[in-house]
């Protein structure tokens, strides 16, 4: 059954696309960071979120923004799913009770 096209007609386009992708990947090599470099970035931005009503229901998050004394933390929904709970946020420097809005 002939559907009006020939697979070999697409071969030059496929090869050209493959060459372009390979050029981009080779042109910008990825450089892995050392464990110390990763820690320098991760430690100040990672927080622990503790549920005061259920100690087994906490989790972690990442600080993604700061405006004055207000920090925005990105976390999974299951960490802060209970609207009746209070949460304690633990950072690498400060322990404080914070109001969390989801």
PDB file of N, CA and C in Angstrom:
ATOM      1  N   UNK A   1       0.845  -1.169   0.000  1.00  0.00           N
ATOM      2  CA  UNK A   1       0.000   0.000   0.000  1.00  0.00           C
ATOM      3  C   UNK A   1       0.894   1.236   0.000  1.00  0.00           C
ATOM      4  N   UNK A   2       0.697   2.125  -0.949  1.00  0.00           N
ATOM      5  CA  UNK A   2       1.493   3.333  -1.076  1.00  0.00           C
ATOM      6  C   UNK A   2       0.650   4.516  -0.623  1.00  0.00           C
ATOM      7  N   UNK A   3       1.125   5.246   0.399  1.00  0.00           N
ATOM      8  CA  UNK A   3       0.381   6.382   0.932  1.00  0.00           C
ATOM      9  C   UNK A   3       0.808   7.693   0.300  1.00  0.00           C
ATOM     10  N   UNK A   4       1.594   7.651  -0.744  1.00  0.00           N
ATOM     11  CA  UNK A   4       1.961   8.859  -1.455  1.00  0.00           C
ATOM     12  C   UNK A   4       3.258   9.499  -0.968  1.00  0.00           C
ATOM     13  N   UNK A   5       4.019   8.817  -0.119  1.00  0.00           N
ATOM     14  CA  UNK A   5       5.309   9.363   0.289  1.00  0.00           C
ATOM     15  C   UNK A   5       6.323   8.241   0.375  1.00  0.00           C
ATOM     16  N   UNK A   6       7.550   8.630   0.329  1.00  0.00           N
ATOM     17  CA  UNK A   6       8.641   7.680   0.363  1.00  0.00           C
ATOM     18  C   UNK A   6       9.508   8.028   1.573  1.00  0.00           C
ATOM     19  N   UNK A   7       9.809   7.063   2.420  1.00  0.00           N
ATOM     20  CA  UNK A   7      10.595   7.314   3.631  1.00  0.00           C
ATOM     21  C   UNK A   7      11.959   7.924   3.322  1.00  0.00           C
ATOM     22  N   UNK A   8      12.536   7.585   2.196  1.00  0.00           N
ATOM     23  CA  UNK A   8      13.862   8.100   1.877  1.00  0.00           C
ATOM     24  C   UNK A   8      13.836   9.607   1.615  1.00  0.00           C
ATOM     25  N   UNK A   9      12.659  10.169   1.340  1.00  0.00           N
ATOM     26  CA  UNK A   9      12.552  11.623   1.157  1.00  0.00           C
ATOM     27  C   UNK A   9      12.829  12.372   2.461  1.00  0.00           C
ATOM     28  N   UNK A  10      12.638  11.748   3.594  1.00  0.00           N
ATOM     29  CA  UNK A  10      12.823  12.394   4.886  1.00  0.00           C
ATOM     30  C   UNK A  10      14.243  12.240   5.430  1.00  0.00           C
ATOM     31  N   UNK A  11      15.030  11.378   4.828  1.00  0.00           N
ATOM     32  CA  UNK A  11      16.372  11.099   5.325  1.00  0.00           C
ATOM     33  C   UNK A  11      17.266  12.327   5.412  1.00  0.00           C
ATOM     34  N   UNK A  12      17.339  13.213   4.403  1.00  0.00           N
ATOM     35  CA  UNK A  12      18.194  14.395   4.541  1.00  0.00           C
ATOM     36  C   UNK A  12      17.783  15.288   5.723  1.00  0.00           C
ATOM     37  N   UNK A  13      16.503  15.438   5.955  1.00  0.00           N
ATOM     38  CA  UNK A  13      16.027  16.241   7.079  1.00  0.00           C
ATOM     39  C   UNK A  13      16.387  15.623   8.413  1.00  0.00           C
ATOM     40  N   UNK A  14      16.284  14.319   8.498  1.00  0.00           N
ATOM     41  CA  UNK A  14      16.639  13.624   9.738  1.00  0.00           C
ATOM     42  C   UNK A  14      18.131  13.768  10.006  1.00  0.00           C
ATOM     43  N   UNK A  15      18.946  13.593   8.992  1.00  0.00           N
ATOM     44  CA  UNK A  15      20.395  13.721   9.154  1.00  0.00           C
ATOM     45  C   UNK A  15      20.761  15.144   9.534  1.00  0.00           C
ATOM     46  N   UNK A  16      20.164  16.145   8.916  1.00  0.00           N
ATOM     47  CA  UNK A  16      20.455  17.542   9.226  1.00  0.00           C
ATOM     48  C   UNK A  16      20.073  17.858  10.672  1.00  0.00           C
ATOM     49  N   UNK A  17      18.938  17.349  11.131  1.00  0.00           N
ATOM     50  CA  UNK A  17      18.507  17.563  12.514  1.00  0.00           C
ATOM     51  C   UNK A  17      19.454  16.907  13.496  1.00  0.00           C
ATOM     52  N   UNK A  18      19.939  15.729  13.164  1.00  0.00           N
ATOM     53  CA  UNK A  18      20.880  15.030  14.028  1.00  0.00           C
ATOM     54  C   UNK A  18      22.199  15.780  14.122  1.00  0.00           C
ATOM     55  N   UNK A  19      22.678  16.314  13.030  1.00  0.00           N
ATOM     56  CA  UNK A  19      23.928  17.070  13.027  1.00  0.00           C
ATOM     57  C   UNK A  19      23.774  18.341  13.860  1.00  0.00           C
ATOM     58  N   UNK A  20      22.631  19.017  13.746  1.00  0.00           N
ATOM     59  CA  UNK A  20      22.416  20.251  14.510  1.00  0.00           C
ATOM     60  C   UNK A  20      22.388  19.964  16.007  1.00  0.00           C
ATOM     61  N   UNK A  21      21.730  18.899  16.412  1.00  0.00           N
ATOM     62  CA  UNK A  21      21.667  18.532  17.829  1.00  0.00           C
ATOM     63  C   UNK A  21      23.053  18.159  18.335  1.00  0.00           C
ATOM     64  N   UNK A  22      23.802  17.391  17.557  1.00  0.00           N
ATOM     65  CA  UNK A  22      25.148  16.994  17.962  1.00  0.00           C
ATOM     66  C   UNK A  22      26.053  18.213  18.095  1.00  0.00           C
ATOM     67  N   UNK A  23      25.901  19.181  17.225  1.00  0.00           N
ATOM     68  CA  UNK A  23      26.724  20.387  17.282  1.00  0.00           C
ATOM     69  C   UNK A  23      26.448  21.159  18.560  1.00  0.00           C
ATOM     70  N   UNK A  24      25.201  21.278  18.938  1.00  0.00           N
ATOM     71  CA  UNK A  24      24.847  21.995  20.158  1.00  0.00           C
ATOM     72  C   UNK A  24      25.408  21.268  21.375  1.00  0.00           C
ATOM     73  N   UNK A  25      25.244  19.955  21.426  1.00  0.00           N
ATOM     74  CA  UNK A  25      25.708  19.192  22.575  1.00  0.00           C
ATOM     75  C   UNK A  25      27.229  19.235  22.696  1.00  0.00           C
ATOM     76  N   UNK A  26      27.915  19.165  21.602  1.00  0.00           N
ATOM     77  CA  UNK A  26      29.371  19.177  21.625  1.00  0.00           C
ATOM     78  C   UNK A  26      29.888  20.591  21.872  1.00  0.00           C
ATOM     79  N   UNK A  27      29.180  21.603  21.386  1.00  0.00           N
ATOM     80  CA  UNK A  27      29.615  22.989  21.518  1.00  0.00           C
ATOM     81  C   UNK A  27      29.602  23.495  22.949  1.00  0.00           C
ATOM     82  N   UNK A  28      28.737  22.952  23.820  1.00  0.00           N
ATOM     83  CA  UNK A  28      28.645  23.393  25.203  1.00  0.00           C
ATOM     84  C   UNK A  28      28.761  22.194  26.132  1.00  0.00           C
ATOM     85  N   UNK A  29      29.987  21.781  26.448  1.00  0.00           N
ATOM     86  CA  UNK A  29      30.136  20.604  27.310  1.00  0.00           C
ATOM     87  C   UNK A  29      29.675  20.902  28.739  1.00  0.00           C
ATOM     88  N   UNK A  30      29.060  19.936  29.345  1.00  0.00           N
ATOM     89  CA  UNK A  30      28.609  20.082  30.729  1.00  0.00           C
ATOM     90  C   UNK A  30      29.777  19.808  31.660  1.00  0.00           C
ATOM     91  N   UNK A  31      29.921  20.671  32.623  1.00  0.00           N
ATOM     92  CA  UNK A  31      30.988  20.504  33.604  1.00  0.00           C
ATOM     93  C   UNK A  31      30.337  20.184  34.955  1.00  0.00           C
ATOM     94  N   UNK A  32      30.657  19.042  35.494  1.00  0.00           N
ATOM     95  CA  UNK A  32      30.106  18.644  36.780  1.00  0.00           C
ATOM     96  C   UNK A  32      30.715  19.481  37.892  1.00  0.00           C
ATOM     97  N   UNK A  33      29.893  19.813  38.867  1.00  0.00           N
ATOM     98  CA  UNK A  33      30.380  20.549  40.030  1.00  0.00           C
ATOM     99  C   UNK A  33      30.890  19.557  41.064  1.00  0.00           C
ATOM    100  N   UNK A  34      31.831  19.992  41.851  1.00  0.00           N
ATOM    101  CA  UNK A  34      32.320  19.154  42.932  1.00  0.00           C
ATOM    102  C   UNK A  34      31.276  19.134  44.040  1.00  0.00           C
ATOM    103  N   UNK A  35      31.401  18.194  44.956  1.00  0.00           N
ATOM    104  CA  UNK A  35      30.466  18.106  46.083  1.00  0.00           C
ATOM    105  C   UNK A  35      30.495  19.393  46.901  1.00  0.00           C
ATOM    106  N   UNK A  36      31.637  19.994  47.054  1.00  0.00           N
ATOM    107  CA  UNK A  36      31.759  21.239  47.810  1.00  0.00           C
ATOM    108  C   UNK A  36      31.018  22.374  47.101  1.00  0.00           C
ATOM    109  N   UNK A  37      31.120  22.444  45.781  1.00  0.00           N
ATOM    110  CA  UNK A  37      30.418  23.487  45.016  1.00  0.00           C
ATOM    111  C   UNK A  37      28.909  23.304  45.094  1.00  0.00           C
ATOM    112  N   UNK A  38      28.450  22.057  45.018  1.00  0.00           N
ATOM    113  CA  UNK A  38      27.015  21.778  45.137  1.00  0.00           C
ATOM    114  C   UNK A  38      26.526  22.170  46.527  1.00  0.00           C
ATOM    115  N   UNK A  39      27.280  21.811  47.564  1.00  0.00           N
ATOM    116  CA  UNK A  39      26.892  22.145  48.937  1.00  0.00           C
ATOM    117  C   UNK A  39      26.840  23.651  49.149  1.00  0.00           C
ATOM    118  N   UNK A  40      27.750  24.389  48.544  1.00  0.00           N
ATOM    119  CA  UNK A  40      27.776  25.843  48.678  1.00  0.00           C
ATOM    120  C   UNK A  40      26.480  26.460  48.142  1.00  0.00           C
ATOM    121  N   UNK A  41      25.886  25.838  47.143  1.00  0.00           N
ATOM    122  CA  UNK A  41      24.627  26.321  46.570  1.00  0.00           C
ATOM    123  C   UNK A  41      23.433  25.761  47.338  1.00  0.00           C
ATOM    124  N   UNK A  42      23.455  24.462  47.631  1.00  0.00           N
ATOM    125  CA  UNK A  42      22.294  23.775  48.194  1.00  0.00           C
ATOM    126  C   UNK A  42      22.030  24.088  49.663  1.00  0.00           C
ATOM    127  N   UNK A  43      23.056  24.134  50.478  1.00  0.00           N
ATOM    128  CA  UNK A  43      22.849  24.294  51.916  1.00  0.00           C
ATOM    129  C   UNK A  43      22.104  25.585  52.268  1.00  0.00           C
ATOM    130  N   UNK A  44      22.478  26.744  51.750  1.00  0.00           N
ATOM    131  CA  UNK A  44      21.757  27.966  52.136  1.00  0.00           C
ATOM    132  C   UNK A  44      20.338  28.062  51.576  1.00  0.00           C
ATOM    133  N   UNK A  45      19.995  27.283  50.565  1.00  0.00           N
ATOM    134  CA  UNK A  45      18.675  27.414  49.943  1.00  0.00           C
ATOM    135  C   UNK A  45      17.718  26.288  50.302  1.00  0.00           C
ATOM    136  N   UNK A  46      18.197  25.233  50.921  1.00  0.00           N
ATOM    137  CA  UNK A  46      17.352  24.090  51.272  1.00  0.00           C
ATOM    138  C   UNK A  46      16.813  24.262  52.684  1.00  0.00           C
ATOM    139  N   UNK A  47      15.523  23.969  52.872  1.00  0.00           N
ATOM    140  CA  UNK A  47      14.901  24.083  54.193  1.00  0.00           C
ATOM    141  C   UNK A  47      14.211  22.778  54.565  1.00  0.00           C
ATOM    142  N   UNK A  48      14.077  22.584  55.863  1.00  0.00           N
ATOM    143  CA  UNK A  48      13.312  21.459  56.385  1.00  0.00           C
ATOM    144  C   UNK A  48      11.985  22.025  56.860  1.00  0.00           C
ATOM    145  N   UNK A  49      10.885  21.358  56.540  1.00  0.00           N
ATOM    146  CA  UNK A  49       9.549  21.814  56.929  1.00  0.00           C
ATOM    147  C   UNK A  49       8.961  20.770  57.865  1.00  0.00           C
ATOM    148  N   UNK A  50       8.764  21.161  59.132  1.00  0.00           N
ATOM    149  CA  UNK A  50       8.248  20.238  60.137  1.00  0.00           C
ATOM    150  C   UNK A  50       6.812  20.578  60.480  1.00  0.00           C
ATOM    151  N   UNK A  51       5.936  19.588  60.441  1.00  0.00           N
ATOM    152  CA  UNK A  51       4.535  19.719  60.808  1.00  0.00           C
ATOM    153  C   UNK A  51       4.451  19.572  62.325  1.00  0.00           C
ATOM    154  N   UNK A  52       3.910  20.588  63.032  1.00  0.00           N
ATOM    155  CA  UNK A  52       3.867  20.543  64.493  1.00  0.00           C
ATOM    156  C   UNK A  52       2.830  19.557  65.025  1.00  0.00           C
ATOM    157  N   UNK A  53       1.845  19.184  64.215  1.00  0.00           N
ATOM    158  CA  UNK A  53       0.811  18.250  64.665  1.00  0.00           C
ATOM    159  C   UNK A  53       1.146  16.793  64.368  1.00  0.00           C
ATOM    160  N   UNK A  54       1.971  16.566  63.367  1.00  0.00           N
ATOM    161  CA  UNK A  54       2.331  15.199  62.977  1.00  0.00           C
ATOM    162  C   UNK A  54       3.792  15.189  62.554  1.00  0.00           C
ATOM    163  N   UNK A  55       4.645  14.747  63.446  1.00  0.00           N
ATOM    164  CA  UNK A  55       6.085  14.838  63.179  1.00  0.00           C
ATOM    165  C   UNK A  55       6.529  14.017  61.968  1.00  0.00           C
ATOM    166  N   UNK A  56       5.741  13.021  61.582  1.00  0.00           N
ATOM    167  CA  UNK A  56       6.105  12.199  60.419  1.00  0.00           C
ATOM    168  C   UNK A  56       5.590  12.775  59.101  1.00  0.00           C
ATOM    169  N   UNK A  57       4.972  13.946  59.123  1.00  0.00           N
ATOM    170  CA  UNK A  57       4.376  14.530  57.917  1.00  0.00           C
ATOM    171  C   UNK A  57       5.152  15.718  57.367  1.00  0.00           C
ATOM    172  N   UNK A  58       6.381  15.890  57.754  1.00  0.00           N
ATOM    173  CA  UNK A  58       7.173  17.010  57.260  1.00  0.00           C
ATOM    174  C   UNK A  58       7.810  16.703  55.920  1.00  0.00           C
ATOM    175  N   UNK A  59       8.723  17.559  55.541  1.00  0.00           N
ATOM    176  CA  UNK A  59       9.420  17.373  54.277  1.00  0.00           C
ATOM    177  C   UNK A  59      10.492  18.431  54.105  1.00  0.00           C
ATOM    178  N   UNK A  60      10.843  18.675  52.873  1.00  0.00           N
ATOM    179  CA  UNK A  60      11.878  19.673  52.586  1.00  0.00           C
ATOM    180  C   UNK A  60      11.376  20.603  51.496  1.00  0.00           C
ATOM    181  N   UNK A  61      12.118  21.676  51.300  1.00  0.00           N
ATOM    182  CA  UNK A  61      11.786  22.639  50.263  1.00  0.00           C
ATOM    183  C   UNK A  61      13.029  23.426  49.881  1.00  0.00           C
ATOM    184  N   UNK A  62      12.856  24.303  48.919  1.00  0.00           N
ATOM    185  CA  UNK A  62      13.952  25.122  48.426  1.00  0.00           C
ATOM    186  C   UNK A  62      13.492  26.578  48.388  1.00  0.00           C
ATOM    187  N   UNK A  63      14.320  27.468  48.913  1.00  0.00           N
ATOM    188  CA  UNK A  63      14.014  28.897  48.850  1.00  0.00           C
ATOM    189  C   UNK A  63      14.190  29.350  47.406  1.00  0.00           C
ATOM    190  N   UNK A  64      13.120  29.900  46.820  1.00  0.00           N
ATOM    191  CA  UNK A  64      13.198  30.333  45.425  1.00  0.00           C
ATOM    192  C   UNK A  64      13.104  31.844  45.253  1.00  0.00           C
ATOM    193  N   UNK A  65      12.717  32.557  46.329  1.00  0.00           N
ATOM    194  CA  UNK A  65      12.632  34.020  46.233  1.00  0.00           C
ATOM    195  C   UNK A  65      12.673  34.619  47.632  1.00  0.00           C
ATOM    196  N   UNK A  66      13.099  35.872  47.692  1.00  0.00           N
ATOM    197  CA  UNK A  66      13.117  36.618  48.944  1.00  0.00           C
ATOM    198  C   UNK A  66      12.726  38.059  48.641  1.00  0.00           C
ATOM    199  N   UNK A  67      11.775  38.587  49.418  1.00  0.00           N
ATOM    200  CA  UNK A  67      11.370  39.987  49.288  1.00  0.00           C
ATOM    201  C   UNK A  67      11.308  40.553  50.698  1.00  0.00           C
ATOM    202  N   UNK A  68      12.315  41.336  51.046  1.00  0.00           N
ATOM    203  CA  UNK A  68      12.412  41.824  52.415  1.00  0.00           C
ATOM    204  C   UNK A  68      12.655  40.665  53.352  1.00  0.00           C
ATOM    205  N   UNK A  69      11.726  40.494  54.318  1.00  0.00           N
ATOM    206  CA  UNK A  69      11.835  39.377  55.256  1.00  0.00           C
ATOM    207  C   UNK A  69      10.919  38.214  54.892  1.00  0.00           C
ATOM    208  N   UNK A  70      10.333  38.280  53.713  1.00  0.00           N
ATOM    209  CA  UNK A  70       9.429  37.229  53.244  1.00  0.00           C
ATOM    210  C   UNK A  70      10.176  36.318  52.277  1.00  0.00           C
ATOM    211  N   UNK A  71      10.164  35.034  52.575  1.00  0.00           N
ATOM    212  CA  UNK A  71      10.805  34.040  51.715  1.00  0.00           C
ATOM    213  C   UNK A  71       9.735  33.194  51.048  1.00  0.00           C
ATOM    214  N   UNK A  72       9.960  32.836  49.808  1.00  0.00           N
ATOM    215  CA  UNK A  72       9.079  31.914  49.099  1.00  0.00           C
ATOM    216  C   UNK A  72       9.800  30.585  48.997  1.00  0.00           C
ATOM    217  N   UNK A  73       9.129  29.526  49.480  1.00  0.00           N
ATOM    218  CA  UNK A  73       9.717  28.192  49.488  1.00  0.00           C
ATOM    219  C   UNK A  73       8.907  27.292  48.568  1.00  0.00           C
ATOM    220  N   UNK A  74       9.604  26.592  47.696  1.00  0.00           N
ATOM    221  CA  UNK A  74       8.975  25.620  46.818  1.00  0.00           C
ATOM    222  C   UNK A  74       9.070  24.258  47.486  1.00  0.00           C
ATOM    223  N   UNK A  75       7.927  23.581  47.617  1.00  0.00           N
ATOM    224  CA  UNK A  75       7.889  22.252  48.215  1.00  0.00           C
ATOM    225  C   UNK A  75       6.780  21.454  47.552  1.00  0.00           C
ATOM    226  N   UNK A  76       6.735  20.176  47.845  1.00  0.00           N
ATOM    227  CA  UNK A  76       5.673  19.323  47.314  1.00  0.00           C
ATOM    228  C   UNK A  76       4.386  19.556  48.092  1.00  0.00           C
ATOM    229  N   UNK A  77       3.261  19.398  47.442  1.00  0.00           N
ATOM    230  CA  UNK A  77       1.962  19.644  48.055  1.00  0.00           C
ATOM    231  C   UNK A  77       1.732  18.761  49.282  1.00  0.00           C
ATOM    232  N   UNK A  78       2.168  17.506  49.241  1.00  0.00           N
ATOM    233  CA  UNK A  78       1.905  16.606  50.362  1.00  0.00           C
ATOM    234  C   UNK A  78       2.602  17.055  51.650  1.00  0.00           C
ATOM    235  N   UNK A  79       3.613  17.903  51.543  1.00  0.00           N
ATOM    236  CA  UNK A  79       4.319  18.387  52.731  1.00  0.00           C
ATOM    237  C   UNK A  79       3.448  19.367  53.513  1.00  0.00           C
ATOM    238  N   UNK A  80       2.682  20.195  52.837  1.00  0.00           N
ATOM    239  CA  UNK A  80       1.870  21.239  53.492  1.00  0.00           C
ATOM    240  C   UNK A  80       0.377  21.084  53.180  1.00  0.00           C
ATOM    241  N   UNK A  81      -0.072  19.867  52.999  1.00  0.00           N
ATOM    242  CA  UNK A  81      -1.453  19.631  52.566  1.00  0.00           C
ATOM    243  C   UNK A  81      -2.490  19.945  53.653  1.00  0.00           C
ATOM    244  N   UNK A  82      -2.125  19.852  54.920  1.00  0.00           N
ATOM    245  CA  UNK A  82      -3.080  20.076  56.000  1.00  0.00           C
ATOM    246  C   UNK A  82      -3.147  21.567  56.349  1.00  0.00           C
ATOM    247  N   UNK A  83      -4.249  22.244  56.013  1.00  0.00           N
ATOM    248  CA  UNK A  83      -4.353  23.690  56.279  1.00  0.00           C
ATOM    249  C   UNK A  83      -4.494  24.015  57.762  1.00  0.00           C
ATOM    250  N   UNK A  84      -4.781  23.015  58.598  1.00  0.00           N
ATOM    251  CA  UNK A  84      -4.952  23.240  60.034  1.00  0.00           C
ATOM    252  C   UNK A  84      -3.649  23.098  60.811  1.00  0.00           C
ATOM    253  N   UNK A  85      -2.593  22.675  60.168  1.00  0.00           N
ATOM    254  CA  UNK A  85      -1.307  22.486  60.837  1.00  0.00           C
ATOM    255  C   UNK A  85      -0.504  23.771  60.850  1.00  0.00           C
ATOM    256  N   UNK A  86       0.375  23.846  61.820  1.00  0.00           N
ATOM    257  CA  UNK A  86       1.387  24.889  61.837  1.00  0.00           C
ATOM    258  C   UNK A  86       2.693  24.202  61.482  1.00  0.00           C
ATOM    259  N   UNK A  87       3.574  24.953  60.869  1.00  0.00           N
ATOM    260  CA  UNK A  87       4.824  24.377  60.399  1.00  0.00           C
ATOM    261  C   UNK A  87       6.007  25.154  60.953  1.00  0.00           C
ATOM    262  N   UNK A  88       7.064  24.445  61.227  1.00  0.00           N
ATOM    263  CA  UNK A  88       8.317  25.060  61.645  1.00  0.00           C
ATOM    264  C   UNK A  88       9.294  24.870  60.498  1.00  0.00           C
ATOM    265  N   UNK A  89       9.905  25.979  60.079  1.00  0.00           N
ATOM    266  CA  UNK A  89      10.867  25.946  58.979  1.00  0.00           C
ATOM    267  C   UNK A  89      12.266  25.979  59.585  1.00  0.00           C
ATOM    268  N   UNK A  90      13.097  25.040  59.186  1.00  0.00           N
ATOM    269  CA  UNK A  90      14.460  24.977  59.675  1.00  0.00           C
ATOM    270  C   UNK A  90      15.391  25.222  58.492  1.00  0.00           C
ATOM    271  N   UNK A  91      16.234  26.240  58.623  1.00  0.00           N
ATOM    272  CA  UNK A  91      17.226  26.529  57.590  1.00  0.00           C
ATOM    273  C   UNK A  91      18.602  26.171  58.127  1.00  0.00           C
ATOM    274  N   UNK A  92      19.606  26.377  57.322  1.00  0.00           N
ATOM    275  CA  UNK A  92      20.962  26.083  57.772  1.00  0.00           C
ATOM    276  C   UNK A  92      21.438  27.076  58.825  1.00  0.00           C
ATOM    277  N   UNK A  93      20.741  28.222  58.971  1.00  0.00           N
ATOM    278  CA  UNK A  93      21.180  29.260  59.908  1.00  0.00           C
ATOM    279  C   UNK A  93      20.186  29.541  61.026  1.00  0.00           C
ATOM    280  N   UNK A  94      18.880  29.459  60.746  1.00  0.00           N
ATOM    281  CA  UNK A  94      17.881  29.939  61.682  1.00  0.00           C
ATOM    282  C   UNK A  94      16.754  28.916  61.818  1.00  0.00           C
ATOM    283  N   UNK A  95      16.241  28.778  63.014  1.00  0.00           N
ATOM    284  CA  UNK A  95      15.034  27.982  63.237  1.00  0.00           C
ATOM    285  C   UNK A  95      13.939  28.956  63.623  1.00  0.00           C
ATOM    286  N   UNK A  96      12.828  28.925  62.904  1.00  0.00           N
ATOM    287  CA  UNK A  96      11.745  29.853  63.211  1.00  0.00           C
ATOM    288  C   UNK A  96      10.408  29.279  62.785  1.00  0.00           C
ATOM    289  N   UNK A  97       9.356  29.749  63.438  1.00  0.00           N
ATOM    290  CA  UNK A  97       8.015  29.328  63.084  1.00  0.00           C
ATOM    291  C   UNK A  97       7.502  30.277  62.021  1.00  0.00           C
ATOM    292  N   UNK A  98       6.959  29.738  60.958  1.00  0.00           N
ATOM    293  CA  UNK A  98       6.510  30.560  59.837  1.00  0.00           C
ATOM    294  C   UNK A  98       5.093  30.185  59.454  1.00  0.00           C
ATOM    295  N   UNK A  99       4.383  31.151  58.940  1.00  0.00           N
ATOM    296  CA  UNK A  99       3.075  30.892  58.367  1.00  0.00           C
ATOM    297  C   UNK A  99       3.289  30.440  56.927  1.00  0.00           C
ATOM    298  N   UNK A 100       2.654  29.339  56.589  1.00  0.00           N
ATOM    299  CA  UNK A 100       2.803  28.803  55.236  1.00  0.00           C
ATOM    300  C   UNK A 100       1.470  28.919  54.529  1.00  0.00           C
ATOM    301  N   UNK A 101       1.492  29.492  53.361  1.00  0.00           N
ATOM    302  CA  UNK A 101       0.307  29.524  52.521  1.00  0.00           C
ATOM    303  C   UNK A 101       0.582  28.668  51.303  1.00  0.00           C
ATOM    304  N   UNK A 102      -0.358  27.855  50.937  1.00  0.00           N
ATOM    305  CA  UNK A 102      -0.136  26.970  49.796  1.00  0.00           C
ATOM    306  C   UNK A 102      -1.008  27.352  48.634  1.00  0.00           C
TER     307      UNK A 102
END
